[in-house]
Amino acid sequence: EEFARLQDYMVSCDKDSEAYKKMKRRYTALKVILTSS
């Protein structure tokens, strides 16, 4: 659920923004967690 919600936020942000960069780090972490599960 967090992964899906985070992606919604990411598409509404400018990719060069600091917020997007922080979301991208969490996106990557969640992707690793879910894939390894």
PDB file of all heavy atoms in Angstrom:
ATOM      1  N   GLU A   1       0.828  -1.209   0.000  1.00  0.00           N
ATOM      2  CA  GLU A   1       0.000   0.000   0.000  1.00  0.00           C
ATOM      3  C   GLU A   1       0.862   1.259   0.000  1.00  0.00           C
ATOM      4  O   GLU A   1       0.574   2.219  -0.716  1.00  0.00           O
ATOM      5  CB  GLU A   1      -0.938  -0.005   1.201  1.00  0.00           C
ATOM      6  CG  GLU A   1      -2.038  -1.038   1.089  1.00  0.00           C
ATOM      7  CD  GLU A   1      -2.820  -1.249   2.372  1.00  0.00           C
ATOM      8  OE1 GLU A   1      -2.424  -0.714   3.437  1.00  0.00           O
ATOM      9  OE2 GLU A   1      -3.840  -1.962   2.321  1.00  0.00           O
ATOM     10  N   GLU A   2       1.934   1.251   0.788  1.00  0.00           N
ATOM     11  CA  GLU A   2       2.836   2.402   0.811  1.00  0.00           C
ATOM     12  C   GLU A   2       3.526   2.589  -0.540  1.00  0.00           C
ATOM     13  O   GLU A   2       3.681   3.710  -1.026  1.00  0.00           O
ATOM     14  CB  GLU A   2       3.892   2.242   1.912  1.00  0.00           C
ATOM     15  CG  GLU A   2       4.809   3.439   2.013  1.00  0.00           C
ATOM     16  CD  GLU A   2       5.883   3.315   3.073  1.00  0.00           C
ATOM     17  OE1 GLU A   2       5.882   2.332   3.840  1.00  0.00           O
ATOM     18  OE2 GLU A   2       6.740   4.212   3.118  1.00  0.00           O
ATOM     19  N   PHE A   3       3.924   1.490  -1.162  1.00  0.00           N
ATOM     20  CA  PHE A   3       4.578   1.533  -2.470  1.00  0.00           C
ATOM     21  C   PHE A   3       3.647   2.177  -3.502  1.00  0.00           C
ATOM     22  O   PHE A   3       4.060   3.058  -4.255  1.00  0.00           O
ATOM     23  CB  PHE A   3       4.959   0.111  -2.891  1.00  0.00           C
ATOM     24  CG  PHE A   3       5.775   0.021  -4.134  1.00  0.00           C
ATOM     25  CD1 PHE A   3       7.113   0.382  -4.141  1.00  0.00           C
ATOM     26  CD2 PHE A   3       5.225  -0.456  -5.313  1.00  0.00           C
ATOM     27  CE1 PHE A   3       7.886   0.285  -5.289  1.00  0.00           C
ATOM     28  CE2 PHE A   3       5.989  -0.555  -6.470  1.00  0.00           C
ATOM     29  CZ  PHE A   3       7.312  -0.189  -6.455  1.00  0.00           C
ATOM     30  N   ALA A   4       2.392   1.763  -3.513  1.00  0.00           N
ATOM     31  CA  ALA A   4       1.422   2.324  -4.458  1.00  0.00           C
ATOM     32  C   ALA A   4       1.179   3.805  -4.183  1.00  0.00           C
ATOM     33  O   ALA A   4       1.159   4.625  -5.109  1.00  0.00           O
ATOM     34  CB  ALA A   4       0.114   1.537  -4.381  1.00  0.00           C
ATOM     35  N   ARG A   5       0.992   4.149  -2.918  1.00  0.00           N
ATOM     36  CA  ARG A   5       0.738   5.548  -2.540  1.00  0.00           C
ATOM     37  C   ARG A   5       1.940   6.430  -2.879  1.00  0.00           C
ATOM     38  O   ARG A   5       1.785   7.534  -3.404  1.00  0.00           O
ATOM     39  CB  ARG A   5       0.431   5.602  -1.046  1.00  0.00           C
ATOM     40  CG  ARG A   5      -0.032   6.922  -0.546  1.00  0.00           C
ATOM     41  CD  ARG A   5      -0.537   6.889   0.908  1.00  0.00           C
ATOM     42  NE  ARG A   5       0.201   6.030   1.814  1.00  0.00           N
ATOM     43  CZ  ARG A   5      -0.245   4.848   2.293  1.00  0.00           C
ATOM     44  NH1 ARG A   5      -1.427   4.389   1.948  1.00  0.00           N
ATOM     45  NH2 ARG A   5       0.487   4.148   3.124  1.00  0.00           N
ATOM     46  N   LEU A   6       3.132   5.935  -2.610  1.00  0.00           N
ATOM     47  CA  LEU A   6       4.350   6.682  -2.896  1.00  0.00           C
ATOM     48  C   LEU A   6       4.489   6.975  -4.385  1.00  0.00           C
ATOM     49  O   LEU A   6       4.859   8.082  -4.783  1.00  0.00           O
ATOM     50  CB  LEU A   6       5.568   5.900  -2.392  1.00  0.00           C
ATOM     51  CG  LEU A   6       6.925   6.551  -2.531  1.00  0.00           C
ATOM     52  CD1 LEU A   6       6.984   7.862  -1.759  1.00  0.00           C
ATOM     53  CD2 LEU A   6       8.007   5.611  -2.026  1.00  0.00           C
ATOM     54  N   GLN A   7       4.149   6.010  -5.221  1.00  0.00           N
ATOM     55  CA  GLN A   7       4.222   6.235  -6.663  1.00  0.00           C
ATOM     56  C   GLN A   7       3.252   7.332  -7.108  1.00  0.00           C
ATOM     57  O   GLN A   7       3.581   8.146  -7.972  1.00  0.00           O
ATOM     58  CB  GLN A   7       3.923   4.940  -7.423  1.00  0.00           C
ATOM     59  CG  GLN A   7       5.043   3.931  -7.316  1.00  0.00           C
ATOM     60  CD  GLN A   7       4.744   2.716  -8.141  1.00  0.00           C
ATOM     61  OE1 GLN A   7       5.182   2.634  -9.289  1.00  0.00           O
ATOM     62  NE2 GLN A   7       3.991   1.786  -7.590  1.00  0.00           N
ATOM     63  N   ASP A   8       2.077   7.376  -6.488  1.00  0.00           N
ATOM     64  CA  ASP A   8       1.120   8.445  -6.797  1.00  0.00           C
ATOM     65  C   ASP A   8       1.722   9.804  -6.480  1.00  0.00           C
ATOM     66  O   ASP A   8       1.572  10.755  -7.252  1.00  0.00           O
ATOM     67  CB  ASP A   8      -0.177   8.260  -6.005  1.00  0.00           C
ATOM     68  CG  ASP A   8      -1.028   7.122  -6.520  1.00  0.00           C
ATOM     69  OD1 ASP A   8      -0.833   6.701  -7.679  1.00  0.00           O
ATOM     70  OD2 ASP A   8      -1.887   6.653  -5.755  1.00  0.00           O
ATOM     71  N   TYR A   9       2.401   9.908  -5.341  1.00  0.00           N
ATOM     72  CA  TYR A   9       3.049  11.166  -4.976  1.00  0.00           C
ATOM     73  C   TYR A   9       4.183  11.504  -5.935  1.00  0.00           C
ATOM     74  O   TYR A   9       4.364  12.663  -6.308  1.00  0.00           O
ATOM     75  CB  TYR A   9       3.602  11.112  -3.552  1.00  0.00           C
ATOM     76  CG  TYR A   9       2.576  10.930  -2.460  1.00  0.00           C
ATOM     77  CD1 TYR A   9       2.891  10.218  -1.311  1.00  0.00           C
ATOM     78  CD2 TYR A   9       1.290  11.460  -2.557  1.00  0.00           C
ATOM     79  CE1 TYR A   9       1.962  10.046  -0.293  1.00  0.00           C
ATOM     80  CE2 TYR A   9       0.360  11.287  -1.551  1.00  0.00           C
ATOM     81  CZ  TYR A   9       0.701  10.578  -0.418  1.00  0.00           C
ATOM     82  OH  TYR A   9      -0.208  10.414   0.583  1.00  0.00           O
ATOM     83  N   MET A  10       4.941  10.497  -6.331  1.00  0.00           N
ATOM     84  CA  MET A  10       6.092  10.725  -7.206  1.00  0.00           C
ATOM     85  C   MET A  10       5.682  11.280  -8.562  1.00  0.00           C
ATOM     86  O   MET A  10       6.353  12.155  -9.098  1.00  0.00           O
ATOM     87  CB  MET A  10       6.908   9.442  -7.372  1.00  0.00           C
ATOM     88  CG  MET A  10       7.660   9.039  -6.123  1.00  0.00           C
ATOM     89  SD  MET A  10       8.475   7.431  -6.256  1.00  0.00           S
ATOM     90  CE  MET A  10       9.858   7.855  -7.324  1.00  0.00           C
ATOM     91  N   VAL A  11       4.594  10.779  -9.125  1.00  0.00           N
ATOM     92  CA  VAL A  11       4.178  11.268 -10.446  1.00  0.00           C
ATOM     93  C   VAL A  11       3.655  12.695 -10.394  1.00  0.00           C
ATOM     94  O   VAL A  11       3.604  13.371 -11.414  1.00  0.00           O
ATOM     95  CB  VAL A  11       3.150  10.338 -11.138  1.00  0.00           C
ATOM     96  CG1 VAL A  11       3.739   8.991 -11.440  1.00  0.00           C
ATOM     97  CG2 VAL A  11       1.877  10.228 -10.343  1.00  0.00           C
ATOM     98  N   SER A  12       3.300  13.161  -9.201  1.00  0.00           N
ATOM     99  CA  SER A  12       2.796  14.531  -9.090  1.00  0.00           C
ATOM    100  C   SER A  12       3.890  15.540  -8.736  1.00  0.00           C
ATOM    101  O   SER A  12       3.604  16.720  -8.592  1.00  0.00           O
ATOM    102  CB  SER A  12       1.674  14.596  -8.049  1.00  0.00           C
ATOM    103  OG  SER A  12       2.175  14.332  -6.767  1.00  0.00           O
ATOM    104  N   CYS A  13       5.131  15.069  -8.612  1.00  0.00           N
ATOM    105  CA  CYS A  13       6.261  15.945  -8.249  1.00  0.00           C
ATOM    106  C   CYS A  13       7.210  16.130  -9.428  1.00  0.00           C
ATOM    107  O   CYS A  13       7.325  15.269 -10.292  1.00  0.00           O
ATOM    108  CB  CYS A  13       7.071  15.323  -7.122  1.00  0.00           C
ATOM    109  SG  CYS A  13       6.445  15.639  -5.507  1.00  0.00           S
ATOM    110  N   ASP A  14       7.905  17.239  -9.390  1.00  0.00           N
ATOM    111  CA  ASP A  14       8.979  17.494 -10.342  1.00  0.00           C
ATOM    112  C   ASP A  14      10.158  16.581  -9.998  1.00  0.00           C
ATOM    113  O   ASP A  14      10.572  16.504  -8.837  1.00  0.00           O
ATOM    114  CB  ASP A  14       9.397  18.961 -10.243  1.00  0.00           C
ATOM    115  CG  ASP A  14      10.524  19.319 -11.183  1.00  0.00           C
ATOM    116  OD1 ASP A  14      10.694  18.632 -12.215  1.00  0.00           O
ATOM    117  OD2 ASP A  14      11.232  20.300 -10.883  1.00  0.00           O
ATOM    118  N   LYS A  15      10.680  15.878 -10.996  1.00  0.00           N
ATOM    119  CA  LYS A  15      11.762  14.922 -10.758  1.00  0.00           C
ATOM    120  C   LYS A  15      13.049  15.554 -10.227  1.00  0.00           C
ATOM    121  O   LYS A  15      13.887  14.875  -9.673  1.00  0.00           O
ATOM    122  CB  LYS A  15      12.077  14.130 -12.026  1.00  0.00           C
ATOM    123  CG  LYS A  15      11.028  13.112 -12.362  1.00  0.00           C
ATOM    124  CD  LYS A  15      11.469  12.242 -13.509  1.00  0.00           C
ATOM    125  CE  LYS A  15      10.446  11.162 -13.753  1.00  0.00           C
ATOM    126  NZ  LYS A  15      10.904  10.194 -14.728  1.00  0.00           N
ATOM    127  N   ASP A  16      13.199  16.845 -10.382  1.00  0.00           N
ATOM    128  CA  ASP A  16      14.389  17.522  -9.888  1.00  0.00           C
ATOM    129  C   ASP A  16      14.223  18.063  -8.472  1.00  0.00           C
ATOM    130  O   ASP A  16      15.170  18.610  -7.912  1.00  0.00           O
ATOM    131  CB  ASP A  16      14.777  18.671 -10.827  1.00  0.00           C
ATOM    132  CG  ASP A  16      15.192  18.167 -12.194  1.00  0.00           C
ATOM    133  OD1 ASP A  16      15.816  17.092 -12.272  1.00  0.00           O
ATOM    134  OD2 ASP A  16      14.881  18.841 -13.192  1.00  0.00           O
ATOM    135  N   SER A  17      13.043  17.907  -7.896  1.00  0.00           N
ATOM    136  CA  SER A  17      12.796  18.457  -6.567  1.00  0.00           C
ATOM    137  C   SER A  17      13.435  17.590  -5.480  1.00  0.00           C
ATOM    138  O   SER A  17      13.665  16.389  -5.655  1.00  0.00           O
ATOM    139  CB  SER A  17      11.294  18.577  -6.308  1.00  0.00           C
ATOM    140  OG  SER A  17      10.721  17.302  -6.138  1.00  0.00           O
ATOM    141  N   GLU A  18      13.694  18.223  -4.351  1.00  0.00           N
ATOM    142  CA  GLU A  18      14.259  17.502  -3.203  1.00  0.00           C
ATOM    143  C   GLU A  18      13.264  16.465  -2.685  1.00  0.00           C
ATOM    144  O   GLU A  18      13.643  15.370  -2.285  1.00  0.00           O
ATOM    145  CB  GLU A  18      14.622  18.492  -2.091  1.00  0.00           C
ATOM    146  CG  GLU A  18      15.402  17.880  -0.963  1.00  0.00           C
ATOM    147  CD  GLU A  18      16.758  17.323  -1.367  1.00  0.00           C
ATOM    148  OE1 GLU A  18      17.395  17.865  -2.292  1.00  0.00           O
ATOM    149  OE2 GLU A  18      17.181  16.309  -0.758  1.00  0.00           O
ATOM    150  N   ALA A  19      11.983  16.806  -2.709  1.00  0.00           N
ATOM    151  CA  ALA A  19      10.946  15.872  -2.260  1.00  0.00           C
ATOM    152  C   ALA A  19      10.964  14.594  -3.108  1.00  0.00           C
ATOM    153  O   ALA A  19      10.873  13.485  -2.581  1.00  0.00           O
ATOM    154  CB  ALA A  19       9.577  16.531  -2.319  1.00  0.00           C
ATOM    155  N   TYR A  20      11.080  14.758  -4.412  1.00  0.00           N
ATOM    156  CA  TYR A  20      11.115  13.593  -5.304  1.00  0.00           C
ATOM    157  C   TYR A  20      12.329  12.714  -4.998  1.00  0.00           C
ATOM    158  O   TYR A  20      12.218  11.488  -4.956  1.00  0.00           O
ATOM    159  CB  TYR A  20      11.151  14.033  -6.771  1.00  0.00           C
ATOM    160  CG  TYR A  20      11.030  12.875  -7.734  1.00  0.00           C
ATOM    161  CD1 TYR A  20       9.780  12.458  -8.179  1.00  0.00           C
ATOM    162  CD2 TYR A  20      12.155  12.195  -8.194  1.00  0.00           C
ATOM    163  CE1 TYR A  20       9.657  11.397  -9.069  1.00  0.00           C
ATOM    164  CE2 TYR A  20      12.042  11.131  -9.073  1.00  0.00           C
ATOM    165  CZ  TYR A  20      10.783  10.736  -9.501  1.00  0.00           C
ATOM    166  OH  TYR A  20      10.670   9.673 -10.365  1.00  0.00           O
ATOM    167  N   LYS A  21      13.462  13.327  -4.765  1.00  0.00           N
ATOM    168  CA  LYS A  21      14.682  12.570  -4.465  1.00  0.00           C
ATOM    169  C   LYS A  21      14.522  11.754  -3.188  1.00  0.00           C
ATOM    170  O   LYS A  21      14.959  10.609  -3.122  1.00  0.00           O
ATOM    171  CB  LYS A  21      15.881  13.504  -4.378  1.00  0.00           C
ATOM    172  CG  LYS A  21      16.250  14.118  -5.716  1.00  0.00           C
ATOM    173  CD  LYS A  21      17.331  15.169  -5.576  1.00  0.00           C
ATOM    174  CE  LYS A  21      17.557  15.866  -6.917  1.00  0.00           C
ATOM    175  NZ  LYS A  21      18.456  16.993  -6.822  1.00  0.00           N
ATOM    176  N   LYS A  22      13.866  12.330  -2.188  1.00  0.00           N
ATOM    177  CA  LYS A  22      13.620  11.597  -0.939  1.00  0.00           C
ATOM    178  C   LYS A  22      12.629  10.456  -1.165  1.00  0.00           C
ATOM    179  O   LYS A  22      12.813   9.358  -0.644  1.00  0.00           O
ATOM    180  CB  LYS A  22      13.112  12.544   0.137  1.00  0.00           C
ATOM    181  CG  LYS A  22      14.189  13.480   0.635  1.00  0.00           C
ATOM    182  CD  LYS A  22      13.668  14.412   1.700  1.00  0.00           C
ATOM    183  CE  LYS A  22      14.798  15.320   2.163  1.00  0.00           C
ATOM    184  NZ  LYS A  22      14.407  16.179   3.267  1.00  0.00           N
ATOM    185  N   MET A  23      11.595  10.734  -1.947  1.00  0.00           N
ATOM    186  CA  MET A  23      10.627   9.679  -2.252  1.00  0.00           C
ATOM    187  C   MET A  23      11.281   8.561  -3.047  1.00  0.00           C
ATOM    188  O   MET A  23      10.969   7.386  -2.850  1.00  0.00           O
ATOM    189  CB  MET A  23       9.435  10.256  -3.014  1.00  0.00           C
ATOM    190  CG  MET A  23       8.515  11.072  -2.146  1.00  0.00           C
ATOM    191  SD  MET A  23       7.024  11.613  -3.013  1.00  0.00           S
ATOM    192  CE  MET A  23       7.642  13.045  -3.875  1.00  0.00           C
ATOM    193  N   LYS A  24      12.185   8.917  -3.937  1.00  0.00           N
ATOM    194  CA  LYS A  24      12.877   7.920  -4.756  1.00  0.00           C
ATOM    195  C   LYS A  24      13.688   6.965  -3.883  1.00  0.00           C
ATOM    196  O   LYS A  24      13.739   5.761  -4.136  1.00  0.00           O
ATOM    197  CB  LYS A  24      13.792   8.637  -5.764  1.00  0.00           C
ATOM    198  CG  LYS A  24      14.641   7.725  -6.614  1.00  0.00           C
ATOM    199  CD  LYS A  24      13.897   7.258  -7.836  1.00  0.00           C
ATOM    200  CE  LYS A  24      14.679   6.235  -8.623  1.00  0.00           C
ATOM    201  NZ  LYS A  24      15.773   6.705  -9.371  1.00  0.00           N
ATOM    202  N   ARG A  25      14.329   7.484  -2.825  1.00  0.00           N
ATOM    203  CA  ARG A  25      15.080   6.611  -1.910  1.00  0.00           C
ATOM    204  C   ARG A  25      14.136   5.621  -1.231  1.00  0.00           C
ATOM    205  O   ARG A  25      14.445   4.439  -1.119  1.00  0.00           O
ATOM    206  CB  ARG A  25      15.846   7.437  -0.880  1.00  0.00           C
ATOM    207  CG  ARG A  25      17.070   8.126  -1.461  1.00  0.00           C
ATOM    208  CD  ARG A  25      17.985   8.681  -0.400  1.00  0.00           C
ATOM    209  NE  ARG A  25      17.385   9.772   0.378  1.00  0.00           N
ATOM    210  CZ  ARG A  25      17.441  11.054   0.048  1.00  0.00           C
ATOM    211  NH1 ARG A  25      18.074  11.431  -1.048  1.00  0.00           N
ATOM    212  NH2 ARG A  25      16.884  11.962   0.816  1.00  0.00           N
ATOM    213  N   ARG A  26      12.977   6.097  -0.777  1.00  0.00           N
ATOM    214  CA  ARG A  26      12.009   5.201  -0.129  1.00  0.00           C
ATOM    215  C   ARG A  26      11.431   4.217  -1.142  1.00  0.00           C
ATOM    216  O   ARG A  26      11.225   3.046  -0.836  1.00  0.00           O
ATOM    217  CB  ARG A  26      10.892   6.022   0.533  1.00  0.00           C
ATOM    218  CG  ARG A  26       9.879   5.174   1.265  1.00  0.00           C
ATOM    219  CD  ARG A  26      10.522   4.371   2.380  1.00  0.00           C
ATOM    220  NE  ARG A  26       9.521   3.573   3.062  1.00  0.00           N
ATOM    221  CZ  ARG A  26       9.781   2.446   3.694  1.00  0.00           C
ATOM    222  NH1 ARG A  26      11.020   2.001   3.788  1.00  0.00           N
ATOM    223  NH2 ARG A  26       8.825   1.770   4.262  1.00  0.00           N
ATOM    224  N   TYR A  27      11.176   4.686  -2.351  1.00  0.00           N
ATOM    225  CA  TYR A  27      10.683   3.830  -3.439  1.00  0.00           C
ATOM    226  C   TYR A  27      11.653   2.677  -3.671  1.00  0.00           C
ATOM    227  O   TYR A  27      11.249   1.520  -3.766  1.00  0.00           O
ATOM    228  CB  TYR A  27      10.520   4.681  -4.700  1.00  0.00           C
ATOM    229  CG  TYR A  27      10.393   3.923  -5.995  1.00  0.00           C
ATOM    230  CD1 TYR A  27       9.161   3.456  -6.424  1.00  0.00           C
ATOM    231  CD2 TYR A  27      11.504   3.689  -6.797  1.00  0.00           C
ATOM    232  CE1 TYR A  27       9.039   2.772  -7.624  1.00  0.00           C
ATOM    233  CE2 TYR A  27      11.389   3.010  -7.988  1.00  0.00           C
ATOM    234  CZ  TYR A  27      10.157   2.548  -8.400  1.00  0.00           C
ATOM    235  OH  TYR A  27      10.052   1.865  -9.582  1.00  0.00           O
ATOM    236  N   THR A  28      12.942   2.988  -3.741  1.00  0.00           N
ATOM    237  CA  THR A  28      13.957   1.965  -3.972  1.00  0.00           C
ATOM    238  C   THR A  28      13.988   0.971  -2.816  1.00  0.00           C
ATOM    239  O   THR A  28      14.046  -0.243  -3.037  1.00  0.00           O
ATOM    240  CB  THR A  28      15.340   2.614  -4.174  1.00  0.00           C
ATOM    241  OG1 THR A  28      15.268   3.518  -5.281  1.00  0.00           O
ATOM    242  CG2 THR A  28      16.412   1.579  -4.442  1.00  0.00           C
ATOM    243  N   ALA A  29      13.929   1.468  -1.580  1.00  0.00           N
ATOM    244  CA  ALA A  29      13.943   0.585  -0.408  1.00  0.00           C
ATOM    245  C   ALA A  29      12.728  -0.340  -0.410  1.00  0.00           C
ATOM    246  O   ALA A  29      12.860  -1.549  -0.180  1.00  0.00           O
ATOM    247  CB  ALA A  29      13.990   1.409   0.867  1.00  0.00           C
ATOM    248  N   LEU A  30      11.557   0.213  -0.675  1.00  0.00           N
ATOM    249  CA  LEU A  30      10.346  -0.612  -0.719  1.00  0.00           C
ATOM    250  C   LEU A  30      10.404  -1.636  -1.836  1.00  0.00           C
ATOM    251  O   LEU A  30       9.964  -2.774  -1.682  1.00  0.00           O
ATOM    252  CB  LEU A  30       9.104   0.266  -0.882  1.00  0.00           C
ATOM    253  CG  LEU A  30       8.646   1.008   0.364  1.00  0.00           C
ATOM    254  CD1 LEU A  30       7.593   2.049   0.005  1.00  0.00           C
ATOM    255  CD2 LEU A  30       8.120   0.050   1.405  1.00  0.00           C
ATOM    256  N   LYS A  31      10.960  -1.240  -2.960  1.00  0.00           N
ATOM    257  CA  LYS A  31      11.082  -2.154  -4.098  1.00  0.00           C
ATOM    258  C   LYS A  31      11.970  -3.347  -3.725  1.00  0.00           C
ATOM    259  O   LYS A  31      11.649  -4.491  -4.040  1.00  0.00           O
ATOM    260  CB  LYS A  31      11.648  -1.392  -5.297  1.00  0.00           C
ATOM    261  CG  LYS A  31      11.481  -2.097  -6.610  1.00  0.00           C
ATOM    262  CD  LYS A  31      11.815  -1.141  -7.743  1.00  0.00           C
ATOM    263  CE  LYS A  31      11.590  -1.828  -9.065  1.00  0.00           C
ATOM    264  NZ  LYS A  31      11.784  -0.950 -10.191  1.00  0.00           N
ATOM    265  N   VAL A  32      13.060  -3.089  -3.032  1.00  0.00           N
ATOM    266  CA  VAL A  32      13.957  -4.163  -2.590  1.00  0.00           C
ATOM    267  C   VAL A  32      13.240  -5.068  -1.590  1.00  0.00           C
ATOM    268  O   VAL A  32      13.296  -6.299  -1.695  1.00  0.00           O
ATOM    269  CB  VAL A  32      15.250  -3.578  -1.978  1.00  0.00           C
ATOM    270  CG1 VAL A  32      16.054  -4.648  -1.263  1.00  0.00           C
ATOM    271  CG2 VAL A  32      16.091  -2.908  -3.046  1.00  0.00           C
ATOM    272  N   ILE A  33      12.557  -4.469  -0.613  1.00  0.00           N
ATOM    273  CA  ILE A  33      11.835  -5.250   0.395  1.00  0.00           C
ATOM    274  C   ILE A  33      10.796  -6.148  -0.254  1.00  0.00           C
ATOM    275  O   ILE A  33      10.711  -7.345   0.039  1.00  0.00           O
ATOM    276  CB  ILE A  33      11.163  -4.314   1.431  1.00  0.00           C
ATOM    277  CG1 ILE A  33      12.217  -3.623   2.291  1.00  0.00           C
ATOM    278  CG2 ILE A  33      10.168  -5.082   2.297  1.00  0.00           C
ATOM    279  CD1 ILE A  33      11.685  -2.453   3.108  1.00  0.00           C
ATOM    280  N   LEU A  34       9.991  -5.587  -1.139  1.00  0.00           N
ATOM    281  CA  LEU A  34       8.920  -6.355  -1.767  1.00  0.00           C
ATOM    282  C   LEU A  34       9.457  -7.434  -2.701  1.00  0.00           C
ATOM    283  O   LEU A  34       8.967  -8.563  -2.705  1.00  0.00           O
ATOM    284  CB  LEU A  34       7.963  -5.417  -2.508  1.00  0.00           C
ATOM    285  CG  LEU A  34       7.155  -4.476  -1.604  1.00  0.00           C
ATOM    286  CD1 LEU A  34       6.416  -3.452  -2.436  1.00  0.00           C
ATOM    287  CD2 LEU A  34       6.205  -5.257  -0.718  1.00  0.00           C
ATOM    288  N   THR A  35      10.479  -7.109  -3.468  1.00  0.00           N
ATOM    289  CA  THR A  35      11.063  -8.088  -4.377  1.00  0.00           C
ATOM    290  C   THR A  35      11.684  -9.244  -3.598  1.00  0.00           C
ATOM    291  O   THR A  35      11.494 -10.412  -3.955  1.00  0.00           O
ATOM    292  CB  THR A  35      12.114  -7.423  -5.286  1.00  0.00           C
ATOM    293  OG1 THR A  35      11.489  -6.373  -6.015  1.00  0.00           O
ATOM    294  CG2 THR A  35      12.704  -8.419  -6.272  1.00  0.00           C
ATOM    295  N   SER A  36      12.400  -8.936  -2.535  1.00  0.00           N
ATOM    296  CA  SER A  36      13.030  -9.996  -1.743  1.00  0.00           C
ATOM    297  C   SER A  36      12.001 -10.835  -0.999  1.00  0.00           C
ATOM    298  O   SER A  36      12.283 -11.964  -0.606  1.00  0.00           O
ATOM    299  CB  SER A  36      14.046  -9.411  -0.763  1.00  0.00           C
ATOM    300  OG  SER A  36      13.407  -8.642   0.224  1.00  0.00           O
ATOM    301  N   SER A  37      10.788 -10.296  -0.838  1.00  0.00           N
ATOM    302  CA  SER A  37       9.699 -11.046  -0.202  1.00  0.00           C
ATOM    303  C   SER A  37       8.922 -11.878  -1.199  1.00  0.00           C
ATOM    304  O   SER A  37       7.940 -12.529  -0.848  1.00  0.00           O
ATOM    305  CB  SER A  37       8.743 -10.081   0.504  1.00  0.00           C
ATOM    306  OG  SER A  37       9.419  -9.384   1.516  1.00  0.00           O
TER     307      SER A  37
END
